């Protein structure tokens, strides 16, 4: 009886893990082909137009993740869409 319960619980845990794995495929900026992406220099220029002093750019969750300082000198992370350079998420460091 305990063995059967153990198997049922294990199966439930594995099923839940599989759902989480599929959910991680959902990217913040979608799944745009690399061939359509703006260059890092273009994204840097767009961020500068918005008043940010860009320090570093990398790719995260299908977005450009831009590390910068805002006009007040606060560190920010901007998640920018790779085609439109629209800011889809902003994180400000305290």
N, C-alpha and C. Protein backbone atom coordinates (compact mmCIF):
# COMPACT_ATOMS: atom_id res chain seq x y z
N UNK A 1 0.83 -1.20 0.00
CA UNK A 1 0.00 0.00 0.00
C UNK A 1 0.87 1.26 0.00
N UNK A 2 1.91 1.27 0.87
CA UNK A 2 2.78 2.44 0.92
C UNK A 2 3.51 2.64 -0.40
N UNK A 3 3.89 1.52 -1.03
CA UNK A 3 4.60 1.61 -2.31
C UNK A 3 3.70 2.23 -3.38
N UNK A 4 2.44 1.85 -3.41
CA UNK A 4 1.50 2.40 -4.39
C UNK A 4 1.30 3.90 -4.15
N UNK A 5 1.20 4.30 -2.89
CA UNK A 5 1.05 5.72 -2.56
C UNK A 5 2.29 6.50 -2.99
N UNK A 6 3.45 5.93 -2.76
CA UNK A 6 4.72 6.55 -3.15
C UNK A 6 4.76 6.76 -4.66
N UNK A 7 4.32 5.77 -5.42
CA UNK A 7 4.31 5.86 -6.88
C UNK A 7 3.34 6.95 -7.34
N UNK A 8 2.17 7.02 -6.74
CA UNK A 8 1.18 8.04 -7.10
C UNK A 8 1.72 9.44 -6.81
N UNK A 9 2.32 9.62 -5.64
CA UNK A 9 2.87 10.93 -5.27
C UNK A 9 4.02 11.30 -6.20
N UNK A 10 4.88 10.36 -6.51
CA UNK A 10 6.00 10.61 -7.43
C UNK A 10 5.50 11.02 -8.80
N UNK A 11 4.48 10.34 -9.29
CA UNK A 11 3.91 10.67 -10.60
C UNK A 11 3.32 12.08 -10.60
N UNK A 12 2.66 12.45 -9.51
CA UNK A 12 2.07 13.79 -9.41
C UNK A 12 3.15 14.86 -9.42
N UNK A 13 4.24 14.61 -8.71
CA UNK A 13 5.35 15.57 -8.68
C UNK A 13 5.97 15.71 -10.06
N UNK A 14 6.19 14.60 -10.75
CA UNK A 14 6.75 14.64 -12.09
C UNK A 14 5.83 15.37 -13.06
N UNK A 15 4.54 15.16 -12.95
CA UNK A 15 3.58 15.84 -13.82
C UNK A 15 3.63 17.34 -13.59
N UNK A 16 3.73 17.76 -12.35
CA UNK A 16 3.83 19.18 -12.04
C UNK A 16 5.11 19.78 -12.57
N UNK A 17 6.21 19.04 -12.50
CA UNK A 17 7.49 19.51 -13.01
C UNK A 17 7.46 19.68 -14.51
N UNK A 18 6.79 18.78 -15.20
CA UNK A 18 6.70 18.87 -16.66
C UNK A 18 5.96 20.13 -17.06
N UNK A 19 4.91 20.48 -16.34
CA UNK A 19 4.17 21.71 -16.63
C UNK A 19 5.05 22.93 -16.46
N UNK A 20 5.88 22.94 -15.44
CA UNK A 20 6.79 24.06 -15.21
C UNK A 20 7.81 24.15 -16.33
N UNK A 21 8.28 23.02 -16.83
CA UNK A 21 9.25 23.02 -17.92
C UNK A 21 8.63 23.61 -19.18
N UNK A 22 7.38 23.25 -19.49
CA UNK A 22 6.73 23.82 -20.65
C UNK A 22 6.45 25.30 -20.46
N UNK A 23 6.13 25.72 -19.26
CA UNK A 23 5.85 27.13 -18.99
C UNK A 23 7.09 27.98 -19.20
N UNK A 24 8.28 27.42 -18.99
CA UNK A 24 9.50 28.20 -19.15
C UNK A 24 9.76 28.55 -20.61
N UNK A 25 9.03 27.92 -21.54
CA UNK A 25 9.16 28.26 -22.95
C UNK A 25 8.53 29.61 -23.27
N UNK A 26 7.64 30.09 -22.42
CA UNK A 26 7.01 31.39 -22.63
C UNK A 26 8.03 32.47 -22.32
N UNK A 27 8.43 33.19 -23.33
CA UNK A 27 9.44 34.22 -23.14
C UNK A 27 8.76 35.56 -22.96
N UNK A 28 9.41 36.41 -22.22
CA UNK A 28 8.89 37.74 -21.94
C UNK A 28 8.61 38.51 -23.23
N UNK A 29 9.48 38.39 -24.21
CA UNK A 29 9.33 39.13 -25.46
C UNK A 29 8.87 38.26 -26.63
N UNK A 30 8.44 37.05 -26.36
CA UNK A 30 7.99 36.17 -27.43
C UNK A 30 9.16 35.42 -28.06
N UNK A 31 8.88 34.85 -29.22
CA UNK A 31 9.88 34.02 -29.91
C UNK A 31 10.16 34.60 -31.29
N UNK A 32 10.76 35.73 -31.34
CA UNK A 32 11.08 36.38 -32.60
C UNK A 32 12.37 35.79 -33.18
N UNK A 33 12.39 35.44 -34.46
CA UNK A 33 13.62 34.91 -35.06
C UNK A 33 14.77 35.91 -34.94
N UNK A 34 15.96 35.40 -34.69
CA UNK A 34 17.14 36.25 -34.53
C UNK A 34 17.36 37.17 -35.72
N UNK A 35 16.99 36.72 -36.91
CA UNK A 35 17.20 37.51 -38.12
C UNK A 35 16.41 38.82 -38.11
N UNK A 36 15.37 38.91 -37.28
CA UNK A 36 14.54 40.11 -37.22
C UNK A 36 14.96 41.07 -36.10
N UNK A 37 15.89 40.65 -35.27
CA UNK A 37 16.30 41.46 -34.12
C UNK A 37 17.09 42.68 -34.54
N UNK A 38 16.92 43.76 -33.79
CA UNK A 38 17.77 44.94 -33.93
C UNK A 38 19.15 44.57 -33.40
N UNK A 39 20.16 45.33 -33.80
CA UNK A 39 21.50 45.09 -33.27
C UNK A 39 21.59 45.68 -31.86
N UNK A 40 22.59 45.25 -31.11
CA UNK A 40 22.78 45.80 -29.76
C UNK A 40 23.05 47.30 -29.83
N UNK A 41 23.76 47.75 -30.87
CA UNK A 41 24.03 49.18 -31.02
C UNK A 41 22.74 49.98 -31.23
N UNK A 42 21.79 49.41 -32.00
CA UNK A 42 20.51 50.09 -32.22
C UNK A 42 19.71 50.16 -30.92
N UNK A 43 19.73 49.08 -30.14
CA UNK A 43 19.02 49.06 -28.86
C UNK A 43 19.66 50.06 -27.90
N UNK A 44 20.98 50.11 -27.89
CA UNK A 44 21.70 51.07 -27.03
C UNK A 44 21.31 52.50 -27.40
N UNK A 45 21.22 52.78 -28.70
CA UNK A 45 20.83 54.12 -29.15
C UNK A 45 19.40 54.46 -28.72
N UNK A 46 18.48 53.48 -28.83
CA UNK A 46 17.09 53.71 -28.41
C UNK A 46 17.02 54.00 -26.91
N UNK A 47 17.77 53.24 -26.11
CA UNK A 47 17.78 53.46 -24.66
C UNK A 47 18.37 54.84 -24.34
N UNK A 48 19.39 55.23 -25.06
CA UNK A 48 20.00 56.55 -24.85
C UNK A 48 19.00 57.66 -25.19
N UNK A 49 18.20 57.46 -26.25
CA UNK A 49 17.16 58.43 -26.61
C UNK A 49 16.14 58.60 -25.49
N UNK A 50 15.94 57.52 -24.71
CA UNK A 50 14.99 57.56 -23.59
C UNK A 50 15.64 58.12 -22.32
N UNK A 51 16.91 58.51 -22.41
CA UNK A 51 17.57 59.14 -21.26
C UNK A 51 18.39 58.20 -20.39
N UNK A 52 18.67 57.00 -20.86
CA UNK A 52 19.45 56.04 -20.08
C UNK A 52 20.91 56.03 -20.51
N UNK A 53 21.79 55.86 -19.53
CA UNK A 53 23.22 55.70 -19.77
C UNK A 53 23.49 54.20 -19.72
N UNK A 54 23.62 53.58 -20.88
CA UNK A 54 23.73 52.12 -20.99
C UNK A 54 25.12 51.65 -20.58
N UNK A 55 25.14 50.62 -19.73
CA UNK A 55 26.39 50.03 -19.25
C UNK A 55 26.66 48.67 -19.88
N UNK A 56 25.60 47.88 -20.08
CA UNK A 56 25.77 46.51 -20.58
C UNK A 56 24.45 46.05 -21.21
N UNK A 57 24.56 45.22 -22.23
CA UNK A 57 23.38 44.64 -22.88
C UNK A 57 23.61 43.14 -23.05
N UNK A 58 22.60 42.34 -22.67
CA UNK A 58 22.66 40.90 -22.92
C UNK A 58 21.27 40.42 -23.29
N UNK A 59 21.17 39.17 -23.71
CA UNK A 59 19.89 38.58 -24.10
C UNK A 59 19.35 37.74 -22.94
N UNK A 60 18.07 37.96 -22.61
CA UNK A 60 17.41 37.23 -21.51
C UNK A 60 15.93 37.10 -21.83
N UNK A 61 15.38 35.90 -21.76
CA UNK A 61 13.95 35.64 -21.99
C UNK A 61 13.46 36.17 -23.33
N UNK A 62 14.30 36.08 -24.36
CA UNK A 62 13.89 36.54 -25.67
C UNK A 62 13.90 38.05 -25.83
N UNK A 63 14.44 38.76 -24.83
CA UNK A 63 14.52 40.22 -24.85
C UNK A 63 15.99 40.65 -24.80
N UNK A 64 16.21 41.90 -25.11
CA UNK A 64 17.47 42.51 -24.76
C UNK A 64 17.33 42.98 -23.32
N UNK A 65 18.26 42.58 -22.47
CA UNK A 65 18.27 43.05 -21.09
C UNK A 65 19.35 44.13 -21.02
N UNK A 66 18.92 45.35 -20.76
CA UNK A 66 19.81 46.50 -20.78
C UNK A 66 20.07 46.96 -19.35
N UNK A 67 21.33 46.96 -18.98
CA UNK A 67 21.74 47.47 -17.67
C UNK A 67 22.17 48.92 -17.89
N UNK A 68 21.57 49.83 -17.14
CA UNK A 68 21.82 51.24 -17.39
C UNK A 68 21.62 52.05 -16.11
N UNK A 69 21.88 53.34 -16.22
CA UNK A 69 21.56 54.29 -15.15
C UNK A 69 20.56 55.28 -15.72
N UNK A 70 19.57 55.65 -14.88
CA UNK A 70 18.58 56.61 -15.34
C UNK A 70 19.08 58.03 -15.08
N UNK A 71 18.25 59.03 -15.36
CA UNK A 71 18.65 60.43 -15.23
C UNK A 71 19.01 60.81 -13.79
N UNK A 72 18.46 60.07 -12.81
CA UNK A 72 18.76 60.34 -11.40
C UNK A 72 19.97 59.53 -10.92
N UNK A 73 20.58 58.76 -11.80
CA UNK A 73 21.75 57.97 -11.44
C UNK A 73 21.43 56.62 -10.83
N UNK A 74 20.15 56.22 -10.81
CA UNK A 74 19.77 54.91 -10.26
C UNK A 74 20.05 53.82 -11.29
N UNK A 75 20.51 52.66 -10.79
CA UNK A 75 20.73 51.52 -11.67
C UNK A 75 19.39 50.91 -12.04
N UNK A 76 19.21 50.64 -13.33
CA UNK A 76 17.98 50.03 -13.82
C UNK A 76 18.30 48.87 -14.76
N UNK A 77 17.36 47.95 -14.85
CA UNK A 77 17.40 46.89 -15.85
C UNK A 77 16.17 47.08 -16.72
N UNK A 78 16.39 47.24 -18.00
CA UNK A 78 15.30 47.38 -18.96
C UNK A 78 15.24 46.11 -19.79
N UNK A 79 14.05 45.55 -19.91
CA UNK A 79 13.86 44.42 -20.81
C UNK A 79 13.20 45.01 -22.05
N UNK A 80 13.93 45.00 -23.16
CA UNK A 80 13.47 45.66 -24.39
C UNK A 80 13.18 44.63 -25.47
N UNK A 81 12.05 44.83 -26.16
CA UNK A 81 11.67 43.93 -27.25
C UNK A 81 12.74 44.01 -28.34
N UNK A 82 13.18 42.87 -28.87
CA UNK A 82 14.30 42.85 -29.81
C UNK A 82 14.00 43.44 -31.19
N UNK A 83 12.73 43.62 -31.53
CA UNK A 83 12.38 44.18 -32.84
C UNK A 83 11.99 45.64 -32.72
N UNK A 84 11.17 45.98 -31.74
CA UNK A 84 10.64 47.34 -31.60
C UNK A 84 11.42 48.21 -30.62
N UNK A 85 12.22 47.59 -29.78
CA UNK A 85 12.94 48.27 -28.69
C UNK A 85 11.98 48.85 -27.65
N UNK A 86 10.74 48.37 -27.66
CA UNK A 86 9.77 48.78 -26.64
C UNK A 86 10.20 48.19 -25.30
N UNK A 87 10.12 48.99 -24.24
CA UNK A 87 10.44 48.50 -22.90
C UNK A 87 9.25 47.69 -22.40
N UNK A 88 9.47 46.39 -22.15
CA UNK A 88 8.38 45.52 -21.70
C UNK A 88 8.42 45.28 -20.20
N UNK A 89 9.55 45.59 -19.58
CA UNK A 89 9.68 45.43 -18.14
C UNK A 89 10.85 46.29 -17.67
N UNK A 90 10.69 46.89 -16.49
CA UNK A 90 11.76 47.70 -15.90
C UNK A 90 11.94 47.31 -14.45
N UNK A 91 13.18 47.15 -14.05
CA UNK A 91 13.50 46.89 -12.65
C UNK A 91 14.47 47.97 -12.20
N UNK A 92 14.15 48.64 -11.09
CA UNK A 92 15.00 49.70 -10.54
C UNK A 92 15.65 49.18 -9.27
N UNK A 93 16.97 49.34 -9.19
CA UNK A 93 17.69 48.91 -8.00
C UNK A 93 17.50 49.94 -6.90
N UNK A 94 17.21 49.46 -5.70
CA UNK A 94 17.01 50.38 -4.57
C UNK A 94 18.32 50.92 -4.06
